[in-house]
N, C-alpha and C. Protein backbone atom coordinates (compact mmCIF):
# COMPACT_ATOMS: atom_id res chain seq x y z
N MET A 1 0.84 -1.19 0.00
CA MET A 1 0.00 0.00 0.00
C MET A 1 0.88 1.26 0.00
N GLU A 2 0.55 2.20 -0.86
CA GLU A 2 1.34 3.41 -0.97
C GLU A 2 1.29 4.21 0.32
N ARG A 3 2.45 4.67 0.76
CA ARG A 3 2.54 5.45 1.99
C ARG A 3 2.56 6.94 1.63
N ILE A 4 1.49 7.63 2.00
CA ILE A 4 1.36 9.05 1.72
C ILE A 4 1.46 9.82 3.02
N VAL A 5 2.28 10.86 3.04
CA VAL A 5 2.31 11.75 4.19
C VAL A 5 1.84 13.14 3.75
N TYR A 6 1.07 13.76 4.62
CA TYR A 6 0.56 15.11 4.40
C TYR A 6 1.28 16.00 5.40
N PHE A 7 1.82 17.12 4.93
CA PHE A 7 2.80 17.86 5.71
C PHE A 7 2.55 19.36 5.72
N ASP A 8 2.77 19.96 6.89
CA ASP A 8 2.73 21.41 7.00
C ASP A 8 3.60 21.80 8.21
N LEU A 9 4.03 23.05 8.23
CA LEU A 9 4.77 23.54 9.39
C LEU A 9 4.41 24.99 9.66
N GLU A 10 4.74 25.43 10.87
CA GLU A 10 4.58 26.83 11.25
C GLU A 10 5.96 27.41 11.56
N THR A 11 6.10 28.70 11.33
CA THR A 11 7.39 29.35 11.51
C THR A 11 7.47 30.12 12.82
N LYS A 12 8.69 30.45 13.21
CA LYS A 12 8.93 31.25 14.41
C LYS A 12 8.80 32.74 14.13
N TYR A 13 9.19 33.12 12.90
CA TYR A 13 9.26 34.54 12.56
C TYR A 13 8.52 34.83 11.26
N SER A 14 8.04 36.03 11.14
CA SER A 14 7.38 36.45 9.90
C SER A 14 8.43 36.83 8.86
N ALA A 15 7.99 37.01 7.62
CA ALA A 15 8.90 37.44 6.56
C ALA A 15 9.50 38.80 6.90
N ASP A 16 8.69 39.70 7.44
CA ASP A 16 9.18 41.03 7.79
C ASP A 16 10.29 40.96 8.84
N GLU A 17 10.17 40.01 9.75
CA GLU A 17 11.14 39.92 10.84
C GLU A 17 12.50 39.40 10.38
N VAL A 18 12.55 38.75 9.23
CA VAL A 18 13.83 38.20 8.74
C VAL A 18 14.34 38.94 7.51
N GLY A 19 13.69 40.03 7.15
CA GLY A 19 14.20 40.83 6.04
C GLY A 19 13.51 40.61 4.71
N GLY A 20 12.33 39.97 4.73
CA GLY A 20 11.57 39.79 3.50
C GLY A 20 11.47 38.34 3.04
N TRP A 21 10.69 38.14 1.97
CA TRP A 21 10.42 36.79 1.48
C TRP A 21 11.61 36.14 0.80
N ASN A 22 12.68 36.90 0.57
CA ASN A 22 13.89 36.30 0.02
C ASN A 22 14.70 35.57 1.09
N HIS A 23 14.22 35.64 2.34
CA HIS A 23 14.95 35.02 3.45
C HIS A 23 14.07 34.00 4.18
N ILE A 24 13.33 33.24 3.40
CA ILE A 24 12.45 32.22 3.98
C ILE A 24 13.23 31.25 4.87
N GLU A 25 14.47 30.94 4.47
CA GLU A 25 15.28 29.98 5.23
C GLU A 25 15.54 30.44 6.67
N ASP A 26 15.40 31.74 6.92
CA ASP A 26 15.69 32.27 8.26
C ASP A 26 14.45 32.37 9.14
N MET A 27 13.31 31.91 8.66
CA MET A 27 12.06 32.08 9.42
C MET A 27 11.92 31.07 10.56
N GLY A 28 12.68 29.96 10.51
CA GLY A 28 12.67 29.00 11.61
C GLY A 28 11.37 28.20 11.70
N MET A 29 11.47 26.97 12.15
CA MET A 29 10.28 26.13 12.35
C MET A 29 9.94 26.04 13.83
N SER A 30 8.72 26.40 14.17
CA SER A 30 8.26 26.21 15.55
C SER A 30 7.66 24.82 15.73
N VAL A 31 6.84 24.42 14.76
CA VAL A 31 6.16 23.13 14.82
C VAL A 31 6.01 22.58 13.40
N GLY A 32 6.23 21.30 13.22
CA GLY A 32 5.94 20.62 11.96
C GLY A 32 5.03 19.43 12.25
N VAL A 33 4.07 19.21 11.38
CA VAL A 33 3.11 18.11 11.59
C VAL A 33 2.97 17.29 10.32
N VAL A 34 2.96 15.99 10.50
CA VAL A 34 2.74 15.04 9.41
C VAL A 34 1.56 14.15 9.78
N TRP A 35 0.68 13.91 8.81
CA TRP A 35 -0.32 12.85 8.96
C TRP A 35 0.10 11.74 8.01
N ASP A 36 0.28 10.54 8.55
CA ASP A 36 0.86 9.44 7.80
C ASP A 36 -0.20 8.38 7.52
N SER A 37 -0.39 8.05 6.24
CA SER A 37 -1.40 7.04 5.89
C SER A 37 -0.99 5.65 6.36
N HIS A 38 0.30 5.48 6.69
CA HIS A 38 0.78 4.17 7.14
C HIS A 38 0.15 3.76 8.47
N ASP A 39 0.09 4.70 9.43
CA ASP A 39 -0.52 4.39 10.72
C ASP A 39 -1.76 5.24 10.99
N GLU A 40 -2.12 6.10 10.03
CA GLU A 40 -3.31 6.94 10.11
C GLU A 40 -3.35 7.78 11.38
N ARG A 41 -2.24 8.45 11.65
CA ARG A 41 -2.22 9.36 12.80
C ARG A 41 -1.27 10.52 12.55
N PHE A 42 -1.40 11.53 13.40
CA PHE A 42 -0.54 12.71 13.32
C PHE A 42 0.78 12.45 14.02
N HIS A 43 1.84 13.04 13.47
CA HIS A 43 3.16 13.02 14.09
C HIS A 43 3.61 14.47 14.23
N VAL A 44 3.97 14.86 15.44
CA VAL A 44 4.33 16.25 15.72
C VAL A 44 5.84 16.36 15.94
N TYR A 45 6.45 17.37 15.31
CA TYR A 45 7.88 17.61 15.44
C TYR A 45 8.11 19.05 15.89
N LEU A 46 8.96 19.23 16.91
CA LEU A 46 9.31 20.56 17.39
C LEU A 46 10.61 21.02 16.74
N ASP A 47 11.05 22.23 17.07
CA ASP A 47 12.17 22.83 16.34
C ASP A 47 13.47 22.03 16.41
N HIS A 48 13.67 21.29 17.51
CA HIS A 48 14.91 20.50 17.63
C HIS A 48 14.81 19.14 16.94
N GLN A 49 13.64 18.85 16.34
CA GLN A 49 13.41 17.56 15.70
C GLN A 49 13.32 17.66 14.18
N VAL A 50 13.89 18.72 13.62
CA VAL A 50 13.85 18.92 12.16
C VAL A 50 14.43 17.72 11.41
N PRO A 51 15.59 17.15 11.82
CA PRO A 51 16.11 15.99 11.09
C PRO A 51 15.14 14.80 11.09
N ASP A 52 14.39 14.61 12.19
CA ASP A 52 13.42 13.52 12.26
C ASP A 52 12.25 13.76 11.30
N LEU A 53 11.81 15.01 11.22
CA LEU A 53 10.74 15.35 10.29
C LEU A 53 11.19 15.13 8.85
N GLU A 54 12.40 15.58 8.57
CA GLU A 54 12.97 15.39 7.23
C GLU A 54 13.02 13.91 6.87
N GLU A 55 13.47 13.07 7.80
CA GLU A 55 13.56 11.64 7.54
C GLU A 55 12.18 11.02 7.34
N HIS A 56 11.19 11.52 8.07
CA HIS A 56 9.82 11.00 7.92
C HIS A 56 9.33 11.25 6.49
N CYS A 57 9.61 12.42 5.97
CA CYS A 57 9.20 12.72 4.59
C CYS A 57 9.92 11.81 3.59
N ARG A 58 11.18 11.52 3.87
CA ARG A 58 11.95 10.67 2.96
C ARG A 58 11.41 9.24 2.91
N ARG A 59 10.80 8.79 4.00
CA ARG A 59 10.29 7.40 4.04
C ARG A 59 8.98 7.24 3.28
N ALA A 60 8.36 8.33 2.90
CA ALA A 60 7.07 8.27 2.23
C ALA A 60 7.21 7.96 0.74
N ASP A 61 6.19 7.34 0.18
CA ASP A 61 6.13 7.18 -1.27
C ASP A 61 5.70 8.47 -1.95
N LEU A 62 4.93 9.31 -1.20
CA LEU A 62 4.44 10.58 -1.73
C LEU A 62 4.27 11.55 -0.58
N VAL A 63 4.74 12.79 -0.78
CA VAL A 63 4.55 13.86 0.20
C VAL A 63 3.58 14.88 -0.40
N VAL A 64 2.46 15.09 0.28
CA VAL A 64 1.42 16.01 -0.20
C VAL A 64 1.41 17.24 0.70
N GLY A 65 1.36 18.40 0.08
CA GLY A 65 1.29 19.64 0.84
C GLY A 65 0.67 20.74 0.01
N PHE A 66 0.67 21.94 0.58
CA PHE A 66 0.13 23.11 -0.10
C PHE A 66 1.19 24.20 -0.02
N ASN A 67 1.96 24.36 -1.09
CA ASN A 67 3.10 25.28 -1.15
C ASN A 67 4.27 24.77 -0.30
N HIS A 68 4.35 23.47 -0.10
CA HIS A 68 5.41 22.95 0.77
C HIS A 68 6.76 22.86 0.07
N VAL A 69 6.78 22.72 -1.26
CA VAL A 69 8.05 22.55 -1.94
C VAL A 69 8.87 23.84 -1.92
N SER A 70 8.25 24.96 -2.24
CA SER A 70 8.99 26.21 -2.32
C SER A 70 9.03 26.98 -1.00
N PHE A 71 8.17 26.61 -0.04
CA PHE A 71 8.18 27.32 1.24
C PHE A 71 8.64 26.43 2.39
N ASP A 72 7.85 25.43 2.73
CA ASP A 72 8.14 24.62 3.92
C ASP A 72 9.51 23.95 3.84
N TYR A 73 9.86 23.43 2.67
CA TYR A 73 11.17 22.78 2.54
C TYR A 73 12.31 23.79 2.70
N ARG A 74 12.10 25.02 2.27
CA ARG A 74 13.14 26.04 2.46
C ARG A 74 13.29 26.39 3.94
N VAL A 75 12.16 26.42 4.66
CA VAL A 75 12.22 26.65 6.10
C VAL A 75 12.98 25.51 6.78
N LEU A 76 12.67 24.29 6.39
CA LEU A 76 13.36 23.12 6.96
C LEU A 76 14.86 23.19 6.70
N ALA A 77 15.23 23.52 5.47
CA ALA A 77 16.65 23.59 5.12
C ALA A 77 17.37 24.64 5.96
N GLY A 78 16.71 25.77 6.18
CA GLY A 78 17.30 26.83 6.98
C GLY A 78 17.39 26.48 8.44
N ALA A 79 16.40 25.71 8.92
CA ALA A 79 16.41 25.30 10.32
C ALA A 79 17.48 24.24 10.57
N ARG A 80 17.86 23.54 9.52
CA ARG A 80 18.84 22.45 9.66
C ARG A 80 20.28 22.97 9.54
N PHE A 81 20.51 23.90 8.64
CA PHE A 81 21.88 24.35 8.36
C PHE A 81 21.97 25.87 8.38
N ALA A 82 23.14 26.38 8.78
CA ALA A 82 23.41 27.81 8.72
C ALA A 82 24.09 28.18 7.41
N ASP A 83 24.85 27.25 6.85
CA ASP A 83 25.59 27.49 5.62
C ASP A 83 24.64 27.51 4.42
N GLN A 84 24.76 28.54 3.59
CA GLN A 84 23.84 28.70 2.47
C GLN A 84 23.94 27.58 1.44
N GLN A 85 25.12 27.09 1.17
CA GLN A 85 25.27 25.99 0.21
C GLN A 85 24.61 24.71 0.73
N GLN A 86 24.78 24.44 2.02
CA GLN A 86 24.14 23.25 2.60
C GLN A 86 22.62 23.39 2.57
N ARG A 87 22.14 24.60 2.84
CA ARG A 87 20.70 24.85 2.77
C ARG A 87 20.17 24.58 1.37
N SER A 88 20.89 25.10 0.39
CA SER A 88 20.46 24.95 -1.01
C SER A 88 20.45 23.48 -1.43
N ARG A 89 21.48 22.74 -1.02
CA ARG A 89 21.55 21.32 -1.37
C ARG A 89 20.40 20.53 -0.74
N LEU A 90 20.11 20.83 0.53
CA LEU A 90 19.03 20.11 1.20
C LEU A 90 17.68 20.44 0.58
N HIS A 91 17.46 21.72 0.26
CA HIS A 91 16.19 22.08 -0.37
C HIS A 91 16.02 21.38 -1.70
N THR A 92 17.09 21.36 -2.49
CA THR A 92 17.05 20.67 -3.79
C THR A 92 16.76 19.19 -3.61
N ASP A 93 17.36 18.60 -2.58
CA ASP A 93 17.18 17.19 -2.29
C ASP A 93 15.72 16.89 -1.92
N LEU A 94 15.16 17.70 -1.03
CA LEU A 94 13.77 17.50 -0.59
C LEU A 94 12.79 17.76 -1.74
N ALA A 95 13.10 18.77 -2.55
CA ALA A 95 12.24 19.08 -3.69
C ALA A 95 12.26 17.96 -4.72
N GLY A 96 13.31 17.13 -4.67
CA GLY A 96 13.42 16.01 -5.59
C GLY A 96 12.70 14.76 -5.14
N LEU A 97 12.11 14.79 -3.94
CA LEU A 97 11.30 13.66 -3.49
C LEU A 97 10.04 13.59 -4.34
N ASN A 98 9.28 12.52 -4.19
CA ASN A 98 8.01 12.42 -4.91
C ASN A 98 6.99 13.29 -4.19
N ASN A 99 6.90 14.56 -4.61
CA ASN A 99 6.03 15.54 -3.98
C ASN A 99 4.79 15.80 -4.82
N PHE A 100 3.70 16.11 -4.13
CA PHE A 100 2.52 16.62 -4.81
C PHE A 100 2.11 17.90 -4.09
N ASP A 101 2.43 19.02 -4.73
CA ASP A 101 2.15 20.33 -4.16
C ASP A 101 0.86 20.86 -4.79
N MET A 102 -0.21 20.89 -4.01
CA MET A 102 -1.51 21.27 -4.57
C MET A 102 -1.53 22.70 -5.09
N LEU A 103 -0.81 23.61 -4.42
CA LEU A 103 -0.78 24.98 -4.91
C LEU A 103 -0.14 25.05 -6.29
N VAL A 104 0.95 24.31 -6.49
CA VAL A 104 1.63 24.29 -7.79
C VAL A 104 0.68 23.79 -8.87
N GLU A 105 -0.04 22.70 -8.57
CA GLU A 105 -0.95 22.12 -9.56
C GLU A 105 -2.11 23.06 -9.89
N LEU A 106 -2.65 23.73 -8.86
CA LEU A 106 -3.75 24.67 -9.10
C LEU A 106 -3.28 25.88 -9.90
N LYS A 107 -2.08 26.36 -9.60
CA LYS A 107 -1.54 27.51 -10.31
C LYS A 107 -1.32 27.19 -11.78
N LYS A 108 -0.91 25.94 -12.08
CA LYS A 108 -0.74 25.53 -13.48
C LYS A 108 -2.03 25.71 -14.26
N GLN A 109 -3.16 25.39 -13.65
CA GLN A 109 -4.44 25.46 -14.33
C GLN A 109 -5.04 26.86 -14.32
N LEU A 110 -4.91 27.55 -13.18
CA LEU A 110 -5.58 28.85 -13.03
C LEU A 110 -4.71 30.02 -13.47
N GLY A 111 -3.40 29.83 -13.41
CA GLY A 111 -2.50 30.92 -13.77
C GLY A 111 -2.23 31.89 -12.64
N HIS A 112 -2.75 31.59 -11.46
CA HIS A 112 -2.49 32.45 -10.30
C HIS A 112 -2.55 31.60 -9.03
N ARG A 113 -2.04 32.17 -7.94
CA ARG A 113 -1.98 31.47 -6.67
C ARG A 113 -3.31 31.58 -5.92
N LEU A 114 -3.54 30.61 -5.05
CA LEU A 114 -4.69 30.64 -4.14
C LEU A 114 -4.20 30.34 -2.73
N LYS A 115 -4.90 30.85 -1.76
CA LYS A 115 -4.63 30.47 -0.38
C LYS A 115 -5.37 29.17 -0.07
N LEU A 116 -4.83 28.42 0.88
CA LEU A 116 -5.47 27.16 1.29
C LEU A 116 -6.92 27.41 1.71
N GLU A 117 -7.13 28.48 2.47
CA GLU A 117 -8.47 28.81 2.95
C GLU A 117 -9.45 29.04 1.80
N ALA A 118 -8.96 29.63 0.71
CA ALA A 118 -9.82 29.97 -0.43
C ALA A 118 -10.32 28.73 -1.16
N VAL A 119 -9.64 27.60 -0.97
CA VAL A 119 -10.07 26.34 -1.58
C VAL A 119 -10.79 25.47 -0.56
N ALA A 120 -10.30 25.47 0.65
CA ALA A 120 -10.83 24.56 1.67
C ALA A 120 -12.27 24.88 2.05
N ARG A 121 -12.56 26.15 2.32
CA ARG A 121 -13.90 26.48 2.83
C ARG A 121 -15.00 26.21 1.80
N PRO A 122 -14.83 26.64 0.52
CA PRO A 122 -15.88 26.33 -0.46
C PRO A 122 -15.99 24.84 -0.77
N THR A 123 -14.87 24.11 -0.68
CA THR A 123 -14.88 22.68 -1.05
C THR A 123 -15.32 21.80 0.09
N LEU A 124 -14.80 22.05 1.27
CA LEU A 124 -15.04 21.15 2.41
C LEU A 124 -16.06 21.69 3.40
N GLY A 125 -16.36 22.98 3.29
CA GLY A 125 -17.28 23.58 4.27
C GLY A 125 -16.60 23.94 5.57
N THR A 126 -15.29 23.79 5.61
CA THR A 126 -14.50 24.16 6.78
C THR A 126 -13.14 24.65 6.31
N GLY A 127 -12.50 25.43 7.14
CA GLY A 127 -11.20 25.96 6.74
C GLY A 127 -10.23 25.98 7.89
N LYS A 128 -9.29 26.90 7.82
CA LYS A 128 -8.28 27.01 8.85
C LYS A 128 -8.90 27.50 10.16
N SER A 129 -8.34 27.05 11.28
CA SER A 129 -8.88 27.44 12.59
C SER A 129 -8.33 28.78 13.06
N ALA A 130 -7.25 29.25 12.43
CA ALA A 130 -6.65 30.55 12.76
C ALA A 130 -5.85 30.98 11.54
N ASP A 131 -4.83 31.82 11.73
CA ASP A 131 -3.96 32.18 10.61
C ASP A 131 -2.52 32.21 11.08
N GLY A 132 -1.62 32.40 10.10
CA GLY A 132 -0.20 32.36 10.40
C GLY A 132 0.25 33.42 11.39
N LEU A 133 -0.38 34.59 11.33
CA LEU A 133 -0.01 35.67 12.26
C LEU A 133 -0.36 35.28 13.70
N GLN A 134 -1.48 34.62 13.87
CA GLN A 134 -1.86 34.15 15.21
C GLN A 134 -0.86 33.12 15.71
N ALA A 135 -0.42 32.23 14.83
CA ALA A 135 0.56 31.22 15.21
C ALA A 135 1.88 31.87 15.64
N LEU A 136 2.27 32.94 14.96
CA LEU A 136 3.48 33.67 15.35
C LEU A 136 3.32 34.30 16.73
N ALA A 137 2.13 34.83 17.00
CA ALA A 137 1.86 35.42 18.32
C ALA A 137 1.92 34.35 19.41
N TRP A 138 1.37 33.17 19.10
CA TRP A 138 1.43 32.07 20.08
C TRP A 138 2.86 31.67 20.36
N TYR A 139 3.69 31.66 19.33
CA TYR A 139 5.09 31.29 19.53
C TYR A 139 5.79 32.27 20.49
N LYS A 140 5.53 33.55 20.30
CA LYS A 140 6.15 34.56 21.17
C LYS A 140 5.67 34.43 22.61
N LEU A 141 4.47 33.89 22.79
CA LEU A 141 3.92 33.68 24.13
C LEU A 141 4.29 32.31 24.70
N GLY A 142 4.96 31.49 23.88
CA GLY A 142 5.35 30.16 24.33
C GLY A 142 4.20 29.16 24.36
N GLU A 143 3.13 29.48 23.64
CA GLU A 143 1.94 28.61 23.65
C GLU A 143 2.04 27.60 22.50
N ILE A 144 2.98 26.69 22.65
CA ILE A 144 3.28 25.73 21.59
C ILE A 144 2.11 24.77 21.34
N ASP A 145 1.40 24.41 22.40
CA ASP A 145 0.27 23.48 22.24
C ASP A 145 -0.78 24.04 21.28
N LYS A 146 -1.01 25.35 21.34
CA LYS A 146 -1.98 25.96 20.43
C LYS A 146 -1.48 25.91 18.99
N ILE A 147 -0.17 26.09 18.80
CA ILE A 147 0.39 26.02 17.45
C ILE A 147 0.26 24.59 16.91
N ILE A 148 0.48 23.60 17.76
CA ILE A 148 0.37 22.20 17.34
C ILE A 148 -1.03 21.90 16.85
N GLU A 149 -2.04 22.32 17.62
CA GLU A 149 -3.43 22.05 17.22
C GLU A 149 -3.78 22.78 15.92
N TYR A 150 -3.31 24.01 15.79
CA TYR A 150 -3.55 24.78 14.57
C TYR A 150 -2.90 24.10 13.36
N CYS A 151 -1.66 23.65 13.52
CA CYS A 151 -0.95 23.00 12.42
C CYS A 151 -1.60 21.67 12.07
N LYS A 152 -2.05 20.93 13.08
CA LYS A 152 -2.77 19.68 12.81
C LYS A 152 -4.00 19.93 11.95
N MET A 153 -4.72 21.02 12.25
CA MET A 153 -5.92 21.35 11.48
C MET A 153 -5.56 21.64 10.02
N ASP A 154 -4.46 22.36 9.80
CA ASP A 154 -4.03 22.65 8.43
C ASP A 154 -3.67 21.37 7.68
N VAL A 155 -3.01 20.45 8.37
CA VAL A 155 -2.64 19.18 7.74
C VAL A 155 -3.90 18.37 7.42
N GLN A 156 -4.85 18.38 8.34
CA GLN A 156 -6.11 17.65 8.11
C GLN A 156 -6.84 18.23 6.91
N VAL A 157 -6.90 19.54 6.81
CA VAL A 157 -7.55 20.20 5.68
C VAL A 157 -6.83 19.86 4.37
N THR A 158 -5.50 19.88 4.41
CA THR A 158 -4.70 19.52 3.23
C THR A 158 -5.01 18.09 2.78
N ARG A 159 -5.03 17.18 3.74
CA ARG A 159 -5.34 15.78 3.44
C ARG A 159 -6.74 15.63 2.85
N ASP A 160 -7.73 16.28 3.47
CA ASP A 160 -9.11 16.13 3.03
C ASP A 160 -9.34 16.75 1.66
N LEU A 161 -8.64 17.85 1.37
CA LEU A 161 -8.74 18.46 0.04
C LEU A 161 -8.20 17.52 -1.03
N TYR A 162 -7.04 16.93 -0.75
CA TYR A 162 -6.43 16.01 -1.71
C TYR A 162 -7.33 14.81 -1.96
N LEU A 163 -7.86 14.24 -0.89
CA LEU A 163 -8.73 13.07 -1.04
C LEU A 163 -10.03 13.43 -1.74
N HIS A 164 -10.55 14.62 -1.47
CA HIS A 164 -11.76 15.09 -2.16
C HIS A 164 -11.50 15.20 -3.66
N ALA A 165 -10.34 15.74 -4.01
CA ALA A 165 -9.99 15.88 -5.43
C ALA A 165 -9.89 14.52 -6.11
N LEU A 166 -9.29 13.55 -5.41
CA LEU A 166 -9.17 12.21 -5.99
C LEU A 166 -10.54 11.57 -6.20
N GLU A 167 -11.43 11.78 -5.23
CA GLU A 167 -12.75 11.12 -5.29
C GLU A 167 -13.70 11.81 -6.27
N HIS A 168 -13.68 13.14 -6.28
CA HIS A 168 -14.70 13.88 -7.05
C HIS A 168 -14.16 14.50 -8.33
N GLY A 169 -12.84 14.61 -8.46
CA GLY A 169 -12.27 15.17 -9.68
C GLY A 169 -12.48 16.66 -9.83
N LYS A 170 -12.82 17.36 -8.75
CA LYS A 170 -12.98 18.81 -8.83
C LYS A 170 -12.86 19.43 -7.45
N LEU A 171 -12.55 20.71 -7.45
CA LEU A 171 -12.49 21.50 -6.23
C LEU A 171 -13.23 22.81 -6.47
N HIS A 172 -13.64 23.46 -5.40
CA HIS A 172 -14.26 24.77 -5.48
C HIS A 172 -13.32 25.79 -4.85
N TYR A 173 -13.39 27.03 -5.32
CA TYR A 173 -12.52 28.05 -4.75
C TYR A 173 -13.18 29.42 -4.83
N ASP A 174 -12.78 30.29 -3.90
CA ASP A 174 -13.27 31.66 -3.88
C ASP A 174 -12.51 32.48 -4.91
N SER A 175 -13.26 33.23 -5.73
CA SER A 175 -12.65 34.16 -6.67
C SER A 175 -13.29 35.53 -6.46
N ARG A 176 -12.78 36.51 -7.17
CA ARG A 176 -13.34 37.86 -7.03
C ARG A 176 -14.79 37.93 -7.49
N SER A 177 -15.16 37.02 -8.37
CA SER A 177 -16.53 37.01 -8.88
C SER A 177 -17.39 35.92 -8.24
N GLY A 178 -16.96 35.42 -7.10
CA GLY A 178 -17.73 34.40 -6.39
C GLY A 178 -17.05 33.04 -6.42
N ILE A 179 -17.77 32.03 -5.96
CA ILE A 179 -17.22 30.68 -5.89
C ILE A 179 -17.24 30.03 -7.28
N LYS A 180 -16.10 29.49 -7.67
CA LYS A 180 -15.99 28.79 -8.94
C LYS A 180 -15.52 27.36 -8.70
N SER A 181 -15.64 26.53 -9.73
CA SER A 181 -15.20 25.14 -9.65
C SER A 181 -14.10 24.89 -10.66
N ILE A 182 -13.23 23.97 -10.34
CA ILE A 182 -12.15 23.59 -11.25
C ILE A 182 -12.03 22.08 -11.28
N SER A 183 -11.99 21.51 -12.47
CA SER A 183 -11.82 20.07 -12.62
C SER A 183 -10.34 19.72 -12.46
N VAL A 184 -10.07 18.68 -11.69
CA VAL A 184 -8.68 18.26 -11.47
C VAL A 184 -8.58 16.75 -11.65
N ASP A 185 -7.48 16.33 -12.22
CA ASP A 185 -7.20 14.89 -12.35
C ASP A 185 -5.90 14.62 -11.62
N TRP A 186 -6.02 14.39 -10.32
CA TRP A 186 -4.84 14.19 -9.47
C TRP A 186 -4.61 12.73 -9.15
N ASN A 187 -5.30 11.85 -9.85
CA ASN A 187 -5.09 10.43 -9.62
C ASN A 187 -3.66 10.07 -9.99
N PRO A 188 -2.88 9.57 -9.06
CA PRO A 188 -1.47 9.28 -9.36
C PRO A 188 -1.28 8.25 -10.46
N HIS A 189 -2.25 7.34 -10.60
CA HIS A 189 -2.12 6.30 -11.62
C HIS A 189 -2.29 6.88 -13.03
N SER A 190 -3.25 7.80 -13.18
CA SER A 190 -3.45 8.41 -14.50
C SER A 190 -2.28 9.30 -14.85
N GLN A 191 -1.70 9.99 -13.85
CA GLN A 191 -0.54 10.84 -14.12
C GLN A 191 0.66 9.99 -14.50
N LYS A 192 0.82 8.85 -13.82
CA LYS A 192 1.92 7.96 -14.14
C LYS A 192 1.78 7.43 -15.56
N THR A 193 0.55 7.06 -15.93
CA THR A 193 0.32 6.55 -17.28
C THR A 193 0.65 7.62 -18.32
N GLU A 194 0.26 8.87 -18.03
CA GLU A 194 0.54 9.95 -18.95
C GLU A 194 2.05 10.15 -19.09
N ALA A 195 2.76 10.09 -17.95
CA ALA A 195 4.22 10.27 -17.99
C ALA A 195 4.87 9.15 -18.78
N GLU A 196 4.35 7.93 -18.60
CA GLU A 196 4.91 6.79 -19.33
C GLU A 196 4.66 6.95 -20.83
N GLN A 197 3.49 7.47 -21.19
CA GLN A 197 3.18 7.68 -22.61
C GLN A 197 4.11 8.72 -23.22
N MET A 198 4.36 9.80 -22.44
CA MET A 198 5.24 10.86 -22.94
C MET A 198 6.65 10.34 -23.17
N SER A 199 7.06 9.39 -22.34
CA SER A 199 8.43 8.87 -22.45
C SER A 199 8.62 8.00 -23.69
N LEU A 200 7.52 7.65 -24.33
CA LEU A 200 7.61 6.83 -25.53
C LEU A 200 7.97 7.65 -26.77
N PHE A 201 7.82 8.97 -26.66
CA PHE A 201 8.05 9.83 -27.84
C PHE A 201 9.42 10.50 -27.79
């Protein structure tokens, strides 16, 4: 049975606090959460457990997230290493895993980015329990338990969105002109077949 992990993390610092979005690696990880289809439970990692979280992702057949390749993996790389070359190598390594980044796939079709909340609430009827700024405030107050529960909710929403897409072949999202629908074919078997067909030419 394919082992799928759904992954998200929260940071210690905002982009403004580290000098802008070009310094994602310096934002630090406060909490990382994985939901693993192997044992069907959440796994929580704190800032000193970054190598364990990284290894958990490596053991998966597929890592599913929402903007995790270009954001979360860069945070992980920065939390693991101070040296820029080591950070870059680790990010490249993690990005080379079998990843499914829902934001990347949606952007390919829509031509623009969406927030997780903008897809989750219209599709699932539920969304995030708080926001990233609140999580940063909790970190400054030392309220790690609240960050863990918030991150778990994001991972659960990510998982449920992916499974909804596989089952129904479509998602709903908020746009400036109201709620719209988008057809998606995220079945890994059909994508694999397409890739195999392309390799024949």
